[in-house]
Structure formats: structure tokens, C-alpha cells
Amino acid sequence: MRETIIRTISGLLYVSILVVSILSSETIFITLFFLLGFVCLLELEKLLRLKSYALYGVHVLFFVLFSYMKFNPNAIVVLLCITIFVNLFLVKDLLFIRKIPVFEKKKYIILIFYLISSIVFLTLIPTYNGTFNPILIVGVFILIWINDTFAFIIGKNFGKNKLYEKISPNKTIEGFMGGLVFSCIGGYFIFEFTHYRNFQFWLGMAIILSIFGTLGDLIQSKFKRQAGVKDSGKLMPGHGGLYDRLDSIIFSSPFIYAYLLIIQNVS
């Protein structure tokens, strides 16, 4: 009971800080995720048993150039293509269940790039068309929370078929489908409440977040399994590390940003 209360308070505090920062201003939102991204970077480095101070400089540089300055739209597109390629490489590695040497530093310095650049694209989502829109990014977080919540509830109560037992024994196909279905339903209510774009727009968003969010969670589970730990950290009581809470949306963010660019160009 005590653990449940701590977990609930911690979760509510996290959501409150997140939503307030998004609704406050673009600068506050970006600054918050600059700090959260730095913590996630530290946690991932610990999982992979790396220590590279150069990566901290890359984190600062990427945020200054791309998140704060919105440096050169063409450069952002190039960064997007590279980030998607790296993220898909991680998916390929996950699907083939190859043993990744935790201490292979050169490889993992490159792969940590996915974390830094993906968080940058998370901060770019609400300004994909040049104007900061807090409704858009709040909607993205709501959809990922709906997916995570209902995937857990349905998987726990009705799950029989394992989704990827070698990596995450508790995840089930029924849980994944439940998260996907309820995310799509959530997309409908977000549209009805905000009247932003149309239901098809939010439906596409829900599908992308459910699929790539689950993949992001599985990839982080593989990192943790190889490191022999349950959580990426202890920053959030009852939840584990910050990267544990953000892994789904971090991995999904470049795919969401690509989706938004495609929608914008097609419209």
C-alpha cells in the first residue's frame, strides 16, 4: 500500500511538472527536457558502463543548435534521417536478439547518439510548422500514457501470449493490442476536446506512438537485462529511473516528427 501511494505521488508530480512546463512557454519546455535528457543520458551511460564527457558536449551543442536556435531546416532534416536510421538499427538488433557487448565503447557512443537526437526531436514536435503549439505535445504525451497504462492493465489481466519473452517476459500481445486500441480511442477524444486537425491525424499519431513506443521500451529492457538491473535509476520513487518513464516517447519522437513533416507537405 505504501509503495502504491509513493508511486502515485511520484507519478502525479512528474506529470504536473511536465504539463505545467509545456503550457508555460516553449523556452521552459525545452529547458526542462534539456535537463531531463541529461539525466537520461547519465542513466543510459550507467547501463552501458560508459563514461564519455564528449557526449555531454554533444548534448549541449545539439540543444543549442536545433532546439533553441532552430538552426537551418535542412540540417534538421539531415539529423532526422540519421536519427531514424540509428533507431531502426536498434530495432534490427533487437529483432535478431544478438548479444550486444556492453563494453564495446565505440559502438555504444554512436548508439547513445539516438538518445540525444531523439530528445531534441521531442522538443521540436510542437514547433514542426514554425509555431509553438502546446496542445500538440500534450496530446502526444497523453497518447503514450494511455498506451502504457492500458497495455499494462490488459496485459496483466488478459495477457496469455508473450510479445517478446526473451527481452521482456511481462509484455504480451494482448497488452500491446489493448494499448494500441485505447490509444486510438484516446486520439478520438483528444480531437473532440481540442478540435486540432482531424481524427485521422490523431489516429495516425496513436498508431505510431503505440508501435514505436513499445519498441523503445523493449530496446531499453534489453539494455537493462544485459546490465543485470531492474531499473535505469532511482530518481523517481516507485517508478525507477527517468529513462524508464521516457523510453517510449524518446524512441518514438523522430518518427512522430517525420510523420508531422509528411502531413504538412501533403496537406
C-alpha atoms as a PDB file:
ATOM      1  CA  MET A   1       0.000   0.000   0.000  1.00  0.00           C
ATOM      2  CA  ARG A   2       2.788   2.410   0.956  1.00  0.00           C
ATOM      3  CA  GLU A   3       4.633   1.639  -2.301  1.00  0.00           C
ATOM      4  CA  THR A   4       1.465   2.336  -4.309  1.00  0.00           C
ATOM      5  CA  ILE A   5       1.000   5.703  -2.597  1.00  0.00           C
ATOM      6  CA  ILE A   6       4.635   6.665  -3.223  1.00  0.00           C
ATOM      7  CA  ARG A   7       4.349   5.573  -6.857  1.00  0.00           C
ATOM      8  CA  THR A   8       1.140   7.591  -7.320  1.00  0.00           C
ATOM      9  CA  ILE A   9       2.544  10.761  -5.738  1.00  0.00           C
ATOM     10  CA  SER A  10       5.761  10.466  -7.739  1.00  0.00           C
ATOM     11  CA  GLY A  11       3.819   9.945 -10.969  1.00  0.00           C
ATOM     12  CA  LEU A  12       1.461  12.868 -10.337  1.00  0.00           C
ATOM     13  CA  LEU A  13       4.397  15.153  -9.546  1.00  0.00           C
ATOM     14  CA  TYR A  14       6.136  14.090 -12.759  1.00  0.00           C
ATOM     15  CA  VAL A  15       3.014  14.672 -14.889  1.00  0.00           C
ATOM     16  CA  SER A  16       2.301  18.025 -13.211  1.00  0.00           C
ATOM     17  CA  ILE A  17       5.819  19.368 -13.805  1.00  0.00           C
ATOM     18  CA  LEU A  18       5.682  18.160 -17.400  1.00  0.00           C
ATOM     19  CA  VAL A  19       2.303  19.671 -18.262  1.00  0.00           C
ATOM     20  CA  VAL A  20       2.963  22.976 -16.462  1.00  0.00           C
ATOM     21  CA  SER A  21       6.295  23.408 -18.267  1.00  0.00           C
ATOM     22  CA  ILE A  22       4.704  22.692 -21.662  1.00  0.00           C
ATOM     23  CA  LEU A  23       1.855  25.140 -21.074  1.00  0.00           C
ATOM     24  CA  SER A  24       4.177  27.833 -19.657  1.00  0.00           C
ATOM     25  CA  SER A  25       6.353  28.580 -22.674  1.00  0.00           C
ATOM     26  CA  GLU A  26       8.477  26.987 -25.357  1.00  0.00           C
ATOM     27  CA  THR A  27      11.712  28.027 -23.632  1.00  0.00           C
ATOM     28  CA  ILE A  28      10.698  26.455 -20.308  1.00  0.00           C
ATOM     29  CA  PHE A  29       9.588  23.288 -22.110  1.00  0.00           C
ATOM     30  CA  ILE A  30      12.890  22.979 -23.986  1.00  0.00           C
ATOM     31  CA  THR A  31      14.936  23.748 -20.867  1.00  0.00           C
ATOM     32  CA  LEU A  32      13.099  21.085 -18.870  1.00  0.00           C
ATOM     33  CA  PHE A  33      13.850  18.467 -21.495  1.00  0.00           C
ATOM     34  CA  PHE A  34      17.429  19.624 -21.790  1.00  0.00           C
ATOM     35  CA  LEU A  35      17.758  18.750 -18.086  1.00  0.00           C
ATOM     36  CA  LEU A  36      15.691  15.545 -18.322  1.00  0.00           C
ATOM     37  CA  GLY A  37      17.707  14.489 -21.348  1.00  0.00           C
ATOM     38  CA  PHE A  38      20.932  14.987 -19.432  1.00  0.00           C
ATOM     39  CA  VAL A  39      19.654  12.734 -16.623  1.00  0.00           C
ATOM     40  CA  CYS A  40      18.543  10.087 -19.155  1.00  0.00           C
ATOM     41  CA  LEU A  41      21.981  10.260 -20.755  1.00  0.00           C
ATOM     42  CA  LEU A  42      23.635   9.616 -17.395  1.00  0.00           C
ATOM     43  CA  GLU A  43      21.320   6.666 -16.742  1.00  0.00           C
ATOM     44  CA  LEU A  44      21.923   5.128 -20.168  1.00  0.00           C
ATOM     45  CA  GLU A  45      25.676   5.539 -19.804  1.00  0.00           C
ATOM     46  CA  LYS A  46      25.460   3.717 -16.489  1.00  0.00           C
ATOM     47  CA  LEU A  47      23.514   0.860 -18.113  1.00  0.00           C
ATOM     48  CA  LEU A  48      26.110   0.559 -20.869  1.00  0.00           C
ATOM     49  CA  ARG A  49      29.006   1.149 -18.467  1.00  0.00           C
ATOM     50  CA  LEU A  50      30.360   4.061 -20.439  1.00  0.00           C
ATOM     51  CA  LYS A  51      31.747   7.417 -19.395  1.00  0.00           C
ATOM     52  CA  SER A  52      32.286   9.922 -22.173  1.00  0.00           C
ATOM     53  CA  TYR A  53      32.395  13.615 -21.305  1.00  0.00           C
ATOM     54  CA  ALA A  54      32.348  14.432 -25.026  1.00  0.00           C
ATOM     55  CA  LEU A  55      28.750  13.191 -25.157  1.00  0.00           C
ATOM     56  CA  TYR A  56      27.711  15.852 -22.634  1.00  0.00           C
ATOM     57  CA  GLY A  57      29.134  18.464 -25.004  1.00  0.00           C
ATOM     58  CA  VAL A  58      27.199  16.930 -27.899  1.00  0.00           C
ATOM     59  CA  HIS A  59      24.028  17.092 -25.796  1.00  0.00           C
ATOM     60  CA  VAL A  60      24.549  20.813 -25.120  1.00  0.00           C
ATOM     61  CA  LEU A  61      25.516  21.550 -28.733  1.00  0.00           C
ATOM     62  CA  PHE A  62      22.510  19.741 -30.224  1.00  0.00           C
ATOM     63  CA  PHE A  63      20.070  21.516 -27.920  1.00  0.00           C
ATOM     64  CA  VAL A  64      21.569  24.960 -28.581  1.00  0.00           C
ATOM     65  CA  LEU A  65      21.626  24.498 -32.359  1.00  0.00           C
ATOM     66  CA  PHE A  66      18.430  22.576 -33.005  1.00  0.00           C
ATOM     67  CA  SER A  67      16.069  23.088 -30.066  1.00  0.00           C
ATOM     68  CA  TYR A  68      16.774  26.693 -29.055  1.00  0.00           C
ATOM     69  CA  MET A  69      18.079  28.235 -32.298  1.00  0.00           C
ATOM     70  CA  LYS A  70      16.177  26.004 -34.784  1.00  0.00           C
ATOM     71  CA  PHE A  71      19.374  26.074 -36.828  1.00  0.00           C
ATOM     72  CA  ASN A  72      18.880  25.526 -40.577  1.00  0.00           C
ATOM     73  CA  PRO A  73      15.769  23.464 -41.500  1.00  0.00           C
ATOM     74  CA  ASN A  74      17.821  21.395 -43.952  1.00  0.00           C
ATOM     75  CA  ALA A  75      20.250  20.430 -41.186  1.00  0.00           C
ATOM     76  CA  ILE A  76      17.290  19.349 -39.037  1.00  0.00           C
ATOM     77  CA  VAL A  77      16.050  17.086 -41.841  1.00  0.00           C
ATOM     78  CA  VAL A  78      19.521  15.562 -42.225  1.00  0.00           C
ATOM     79  CA  LEU A  79      19.693  14.958 -38.469  1.00  0.00           C
ATOM     80  CA  LEU A  80      16.219  13.408 -38.631  1.00  0.00           C
ATOM     81  CA  CYS A  81      17.258  10.941 -41.335  1.00  0.00           C
ATOM     82  CA  ILE A  82      20.381   9.922 -39.404  1.00  0.00           C
ATOM     83  CA  THR A  83      18.412   9.518 -36.161  1.00  0.00           C
ATOM     84  CA  ILE A  84      15.733   7.362 -37.801  1.00  0.00           C
ATOM     85  CA  PHE A  85      18.458   5.207 -39.362  1.00  0.00           C
ATOM     86  CA  VAL A  86      20.145   4.698 -35.970  1.00  0.00           C
ATOM     87  CA  ASN A  87      16.819   3.928 -34.274  1.00  0.00           C
ATOM     88  CA  LEU A  88      15.906   1.379 -36.946  1.00  0.00           C
ATOM     89  CA  PHE A  89      19.354  -0.154 -36.486  1.00  0.00           C
ATOM     90  CA  LEU A  90      18.465  -0.648 -32.828  1.00  0.00           C
ATOM     91  CA  VAL A  91      15.185  -2.305 -33.856  1.00  0.00           C
ATOM     92  CA  LYS A  92      17.030  -4.636 -36.223  1.00  0.00           C
ATOM     93  CA  ASP A  93      19.426  -5.517 -33.442  1.00  0.00           C
ATOM     94  CA  LEU A  94      16.505  -6.175 -31.112  1.00  0.00           C
ATOM     95  CA  LEU A  95      14.623  -8.396 -33.568  1.00  0.00           C
ATOM     96  CA  PHE A  96      17.597 -10.636 -34.214  1.00  0.00           C
ATOM     97  CA  ILE A  97      18.303 -10.928 -30.465  1.00  0.00           C
ATOM     98  CA  ARG A  98      22.029 -10.650 -30.911  1.00  0.00           C
ATOM     99  CA  LYS A  99      24.145 -10.393 -27.789  1.00  0.00           C
ATOM    100  CA  ILE A 100      25.404  -6.817 -27.665  1.00  0.00           C
ATOM    101  CA  PRO A 101      28.762  -6.470 -25.891  1.00  0.00           C
ATOM    102  CA  VAL A 102      28.084  -3.945 -23.135  1.00  0.00           C
ATOM    103  CA  PHE A 103      31.698  -2.830 -23.083  1.00  0.00           C
ATOM    104  CA  GLU A 104      32.046  -2.153 -26.816  1.00  0.00           C
ATOM    105  CA  LYS A 105      32.556   1.562 -26.309  1.00  0.00           C
ATOM    106  CA  LYS A 106      32.896   2.728 -29.911  1.00  0.00           C
ATOM    107  CA  LYS A 107      29.598   1.134 -30.861  1.00  0.00           C
ATOM    108  CA  TYR A 108      27.702   2.469 -27.900  1.00  0.00           C
ATOM    109  CA  ILE A 109      28.999   6.010 -28.168  1.00  0.00           C
ATOM    110  CA  ILE A 110      27.336   6.022 -31.589  1.00  0.00           C
ATOM    111  CA  LEU A 111      24.141   4.461 -30.233  1.00  0.00           C
ATOM    112  CA  ILE A 112      23.843   6.973 -27.387  1.00  0.00           C
ATOM    113  CA  PHE A 113      23.541   9.490 -30.216  1.00  0.00           C
ATOM    114  CA  TYR A 114      19.998   8.151 -30.661  1.00  0.00           C
ATOM    115  CA  LEU A 115      19.083   9.267 -27.148  1.00  0.00           C
ATOM    116  CA  ILE A 116      20.435  12.793 -27.548  1.00  0.00           C
ATOM    117  CA  SER A 117      18.998  13.436 -31.018  1.00  0.00           C
ATOM    118  CA  SER A 118      15.657  11.764 -30.249  1.00  0.00           C
ATOM    119  CA  ILE A 119      15.120  14.042 -27.225  1.00  0.00           C
ATOM    120  CA  VAL A 120      15.950  17.015 -29.446  1.00  0.00           C
ATOM    121  CA  PHE A 121      13.191  15.940 -31.849  1.00  0.00           C
ATOM    122  CA  LEU A 122      10.828  15.609 -28.917  1.00  0.00           C
ATOM    123  CA  THR A 123      11.342  19.335 -28.253  1.00  0.00           C
ATOM    124  CA  LEU A 124      10.821  20.118 -31.962  1.00  0.00           C
ATOM    125  CA  ILE A 125       7.450  18.356 -32.252  1.00  0.00           C
ATOM    126  CA  PRO A 126       5.307  21.291 -31.019  1.00  0.00           C
ATOM    127  CA  THR A 127       7.046  23.697 -33.452  1.00  0.00           C
ATOM    128  CA  TYR A 128       7.186  21.474 -36.544  1.00  0.00           C
ATOM    129  CA  ASN A 129       5.271  24.112 -38.578  1.00  0.00           C
ATOM    130  CA  GLY A 130       7.117  27.091 -37.120  1.00  0.00           C
ATOM    131  CA  THR A 131       4.659  27.972 -34.332  1.00  0.00           C
ATOM    132  CA  PHE A 132       4.788  26.590 -30.805  1.00  0.00           C
ATOM    133  CA  ASN A 133       1.640  24.534 -30.142  1.00  0.00           C
ATOM    134  CA  PRO A 134       1.479  23.111 -26.586  1.00  0.00           C
ATOM    135  CA  ILE A 135      -1.743  21.204 -27.400  1.00  0.00           C
ATOM    136  CA  LEU A 136       0.168  19.016 -29.840  1.00  0.00           C
ATOM    137  CA  ILE A 137       2.894  17.887 -27.450  1.00  0.00           C
ATOM    138  CA  VAL A 138       0.456  17.446 -24.537  1.00  0.00           C
ATOM    139  CA  GLY A 139      -1.630  15.251 -26.849  1.00  0.00           C
ATOM    140  CA  VAL A 140       1.444  13.176 -27.719  1.00  0.00           C
ATOM    141  CA  PHE A 141       2.207  12.582 -24.036  1.00  0.00           C
ATOM    142  CA  ILE A 142      -1.419  11.705 -23.281  1.00  0.00           C
ATOM    143  CA  LEU A 143      -1.426   9.106 -26.059  1.00  0.00           C
ATOM    144  CA  ILE A 144       1.799   7.492 -24.837  1.00  0.00           C
ATOM    145  CA  TRP A 145       0.480   7.428 -21.260  1.00  0.00           C
ATOM    146  CA  ILE A 146      -2.789   5.846 -22.434  1.00  0.00           C
ATOM    147  CA  ASN A 147      -0.852   3.221 -24.375  1.00  0.00           C
ATOM    148  CA  ASP A 148       1.430   2.364 -21.448  1.00  0.00           C
ATOM    149  CA  THR A 149      -1.425   2.269 -18.931  1.00  0.00           C
ATOM    150  CA  PHE A 150      -3.812   0.071 -20.896  1.00  0.00           C
ATOM    151  CA  ALA A 151      -1.045  -2.188 -22.200  1.00  0.00           C
ATOM    152  CA  PHE A 152      -0.190  -2.880 -18.552  1.00  0.00           C
ATOM    153  CA  ILE A 153      -3.808  -3.304 -17.369  1.00  0.00           C
ATOM    154  CA  ILE A 154      -4.940  -5.546 -20.218  1.00  0.00           C
ATOM    155  CA  GLY A 155      -1.698  -7.483 -20.322  1.00  0.00           C
ATOM    156  CA  LYS A 156      -1.834  -8.162 -16.589  1.00  0.00           C
ATOM    157  CA  ASN A 157      -5.477  -9.280 -16.605  1.00  0.00           C
ATOM    158  CA  PHE A 158      -5.907 -10.904 -20.017  1.00  0.00           C
ATOM    159  CA  GLY A 159      -2.410 -11.480 -21.381  1.00  0.00           C
ATOM    160  CA  LYS A 160      -1.588 -15.069 -22.360  1.00  0.00           C
ATOM    161  CA  ASN A 161       0.694 -14.790 -25.392  1.00  0.00           C
ATOM    162  CA  LYS A 162       4.144 -13.321 -24.794  1.00  0.00           C
ATOM    163  CA  LEU A 163       5.169 -10.445 -27.041  1.00  0.00           C
ATOM    164  CA  TYR A 164       8.938 -10.841 -26.660  1.00  0.00           C
ATOM    165  CA  GLU A 165       9.675 -13.147 -23.745  1.00  0.00           C
ATOM    166  CA  LYS A 166      13.473 -13.205 -24.165  1.00  0.00           C
ATOM    167  CA  ILE A 167      13.635  -9.465 -23.574  1.00  0.00           C
ATOM    168  CA  SER A 168      10.552  -8.582 -21.534  1.00  0.00           C
ATOM    169  CA  PRO A 169       8.713 -11.581 -20.028  1.00  0.00           C
ATOM    170  CA  ASN A 170       5.793  -9.480 -18.762  1.00  0.00           C
ATOM    171  CA  LYS A 171       4.812  -7.963 -22.100  1.00  0.00           C
ATOM    172  CA  THR A 172       2.030  -9.742 -24.002  1.00  0.00           C
ATOM    173  CA  ILE A 173       0.442  -9.473 -27.421  1.00  0.00           C
ATOM    174  CA  GLU A 174      -2.917  -8.834 -25.742  1.00  0.00           C
ATOM    175  CA  GLY A 175      -1.384  -5.980 -23.761  1.00  0.00           C
ATOM    176  CA  PHE A 176       0.147  -4.454 -26.883  1.00  0.00           C
ATOM    177  CA  MET A 177      -3.159  -4.643 -28.764  1.00  0.00           C
ATOM    178  CA  GLY A 178      -5.025  -3.203 -25.777  1.00  0.00           C
ATOM    179  CA  GLY A 179      -2.646  -0.264 -25.592  1.00  0.00           C
ATOM    180  CA  LEU A 180      -2.992   0.320 -29.331  1.00  0.00           C
ATOM    181  CA  VAL A 181      -6.809   0.191 -29.314  1.00  0.00           C
ATOM    182  CA  PHE A 182      -7.192   2.500 -26.321  1.00  0.00           C
ATOM    183  CA  SER A 183      -4.611   4.924 -27.755  1.00  0.00           C
ATOM    184  CA  CYS A 184      -6.725   5.172 -30.909  1.00  0.00           C
ATOM    185  CA  ILE A 185      -9.810   5.795 -28.773  1.00  0.00           C
ATOM    186  CA  GLY A 186      -7.819   8.396 -26.841  1.00  0.00           C
ATOM    187  CA  GLY A 187      -6.918  10.064 -30.139  1.00  0.00           C
ATOM    188  CA  TYR A 188     -10.622  10.479 -30.898  1.00  0.00           C
ATOM    189  CA  PHE A 189     -11.296  12.165 -27.551  1.00  0.00           C
ATOM    190  CA  ILE A 190      -8.254  14.435 -27.929  1.00  0.00           C
ATOM    191  CA  PHE A 191      -9.640  15.580 -31.280  1.00  0.00           C
ATOM    192  CA  GLU A 192     -13.121  16.086 -29.828  1.00  0.00           C
ATOM    193  CA  PHE A 193     -11.704  18.099 -26.928  1.00  0.00           C
ATOM    194  CA  THR A 194      -9.149  20.215 -28.810  1.00  0.00           C
ATOM    195  CA  HIS A 195     -10.548  20.286 -32.384  1.00  0.00           C
ATOM    196  CA  TYR A 196      -6.937  20.359 -33.538  1.00  0.00           C
ATOM    197  CA  ARG A 197      -6.569  18.937 -37.064  1.00  0.00           C
ATOM    198  CA  ASN A 198      -8.845  15.890 -37.509  1.00  0.00           C
ATOM    199  CA  PHE A 199      -9.393  12.447 -36.037  1.00  0.00           C
ATOM    200  CA  GLN A 200      -7.338  10.767 -38.795  1.00  0.00           C
ATOM    201  CA  PHE A 201      -4.363  12.919 -37.758  1.00  0.00           C
ATOM    202  CA  TRP A 202      -4.590  11.747 -34.144  1.00  0.00           C
ATOM    203  CA  LEU A 203      -5.292   8.166 -35.201  1.00  0.00           C
ATOM    204  CA  GLY A 204      -2.021   8.086 -37.139  1.00  0.00           C
ATOM    205  CA  MET A 205      -0.245   9.599 -34.158  1.00  0.00           C
ATOM    206  CA  ALA A 206      -1.692   6.959 -31.823  1.00  0.00           C
ATOM    207  CA  ILE A 207      -0.613   4.080 -34.081  1.00  0.00           C
ATOM    208  CA  ILE A 208       2.949   5.400 -34.457  1.00  0.00           C
ATOM    209  CA  LEU A 209       3.316   6.025 -30.721  1.00  0.00           C
ATOM    210  CA  SER A 210       1.958   2.586 -29.804  1.00  0.00           C
ATOM    211  CA  ILE A 211       4.239   0.701 -32.196  1.00  0.00           C
ATOM    212  CA  PHE A 212       7.455   2.663 -31.770  1.00  0.00           C
ATOM    213  CA  GLY A 213       6.807   3.323 -28.090  1.00  0.00           C
ATOM    214  CA  THR A 214       6.656  -0.422 -27.484  1.00  0.00           C
ATOM    215  CA  LEU A 215       9.842  -0.939 -29.490  1.00  0.00           C
ATOM    216  CA  GLY A 216      11.588   1.767 -27.470  1.00  0.00           C
ATOM    217  CA  ASP A 217      10.515   0.094 -24.252  1.00  0.00           C
ATOM    218  CA  LEU A 218      11.782  -3.291 -25.474  1.00  0.00           C
ATOM    219  CA  ILE A 219      15.129  -1.834 -26.519  1.00  0.00           C
ATOM    220  CA  GLN A 220      15.628  -0.286 -23.095  1.00  0.00           C
ATOM    221  CA  SER A 221      14.589  -3.585 -21.486  1.00  0.00           C
ATOM    222  CA  LYS A 222      17.377  -5.264 -23.455  1.00  0.00           C
ATOM    223  CA  PHE A 223      19.904  -2.733 -22.179  1.00  0.00           C
ATOM    224  CA  LYS A 224      18.749  -3.319 -18.593  1.00  0.00           C
ATOM    225  CA  ARG A 225      18.745  -7.099 -18.984  1.00  0.00           C
ATOM    226  CA  GLN A 226      22.336  -7.046 -20.231  1.00  0.00           C
ATOM    227  CA  ALA A 227      23.360  -4.699 -17.424  1.00  0.00           C
ATOM    228  CA  GLY A 228      21.652  -7.004 -14.909  1.00  0.00           C
ATOM    229  CA  VAL A 229      19.442  -4.308 -13.362  1.00  0.00           C
ATOM    230  CA  LYS A 230      15.710  -3.829 -12.939  1.00  0.00           C
ATOM    231  CA  ASP A 231      15.572  -0.038 -13.391  1.00  0.00           C
ATOM    232  CA  SER A 232      17.716   2.530 -15.172  1.00  0.00           C
ATOM    233  CA  GLY A 233      17.931   4.604 -11.990  1.00  0.00           C
ATOM    234  CA  LYS A 234      16.238   5.613  -8.744  1.00  0.00           C
ATOM    235  CA  LEU A 235      15.285   9.224  -9.415  1.00  0.00           C
ATOM    236  CA  MET A 236      11.517   8.563  -9.408  1.00  0.00           C
ATOM    237  CA  PRO A 237      10.401   6.625  -6.308  1.00  0.00           C
ATOM    238  CA  GLY A 238       8.205   3.695  -7.281  1.00  0.00           C
ATOM    239  CA  HIS A 239       8.958   4.137 -10.984  1.00  0.00           C
ATOM    240  CA  GLY A 240      12.712   3.648 -11.274  1.00  0.00           C
ATOM    241  CA  GLY A 241      14.801   5.961 -13.387  1.00  0.00           C
ATOM    242  CA  LEU A 242      13.759   8.863 -15.568  1.00  0.00           C
ATOM    243  CA  TYR A 243      14.735   6.922 -18.685  1.00  0.00           C
ATOM    244  CA  ASP A 244      12.301   4.204 -17.562  1.00  0.00           C
ATOM    245  CA  ARG A 245       9.486   6.773 -17.801  1.00  0.00           C
ATOM    246  CA  LEU A 246      10.600   8.393 -21.049  1.00  0.00           C
ATOM    247  CA  ASP A 247      11.982   5.494 -23.099  1.00  0.00           C
ATOM    248  CA  SER A 248       8.807   5.058 -25.206  1.00  0.00           C
ATOM    249  CA  ILE A 249       8.353   8.686 -26.181  1.00  0.00           C
ATOM    250  CA  ILE A 250      12.082   9.285 -26.675  1.00  0.00           C
ATOM    251  CA  PHE A 251      12.344   6.466 -29.199  1.00  0.00           C
ATOM    252  CA  SER A 252       9.076   7.485 -30.915  1.00  0.00           C
ATOM    253  CA  SER A 253       9.835  11.190 -31.248  1.00  0.00           C
ATOM    254  CA  PRO A 254      11.812  11.217 -34.536  1.00  0.00           C
ATOM    255  CA  PHE A 255       9.136   9.051 -36.180  1.00  0.00           C
ATOM    256  CA  ILE A 256       6.408  11.405 -34.921  1.00  0.00           C
ATOM    257  CA  TYR A 257       8.367  14.408 -36.227  1.00  0.00           C
ATOM    258  CA  ALA A 258       8.766  12.717 -39.627  1.00  0.00           C
ATOM    259  CA  TYR A 259       5.018  11.980 -39.631  1.00  0.00           C
ATOM    260  CA  LEU A 260       4.266  15.657 -38.941  1.00  0.00           C
ATOM    261  CA  LEU A 261       6.547  16.828 -41.760  1.00  0.00           C
ATOM    262  CA  ILE A 262       4.917  14.395 -44.178  1.00  0.00           C
ATOM    263  CA  ILE A 263       1.417  15.527 -43.140  1.00  0.00           C
ATOM    264  CA  GLN A 264       2.457  19.164 -43.549  1.00  0.00           C
ATOM    265  CA  ASN A 265       3.854  18.621 -47.041  1.00  0.00           C
ATOM    266  CA  VAL A 266       0.936  16.508 -48.213  1.00  0.00           C
ATOM    267  CA  SER A 267      -1.741  18.893 -46.890  1.00  0.00           C
END
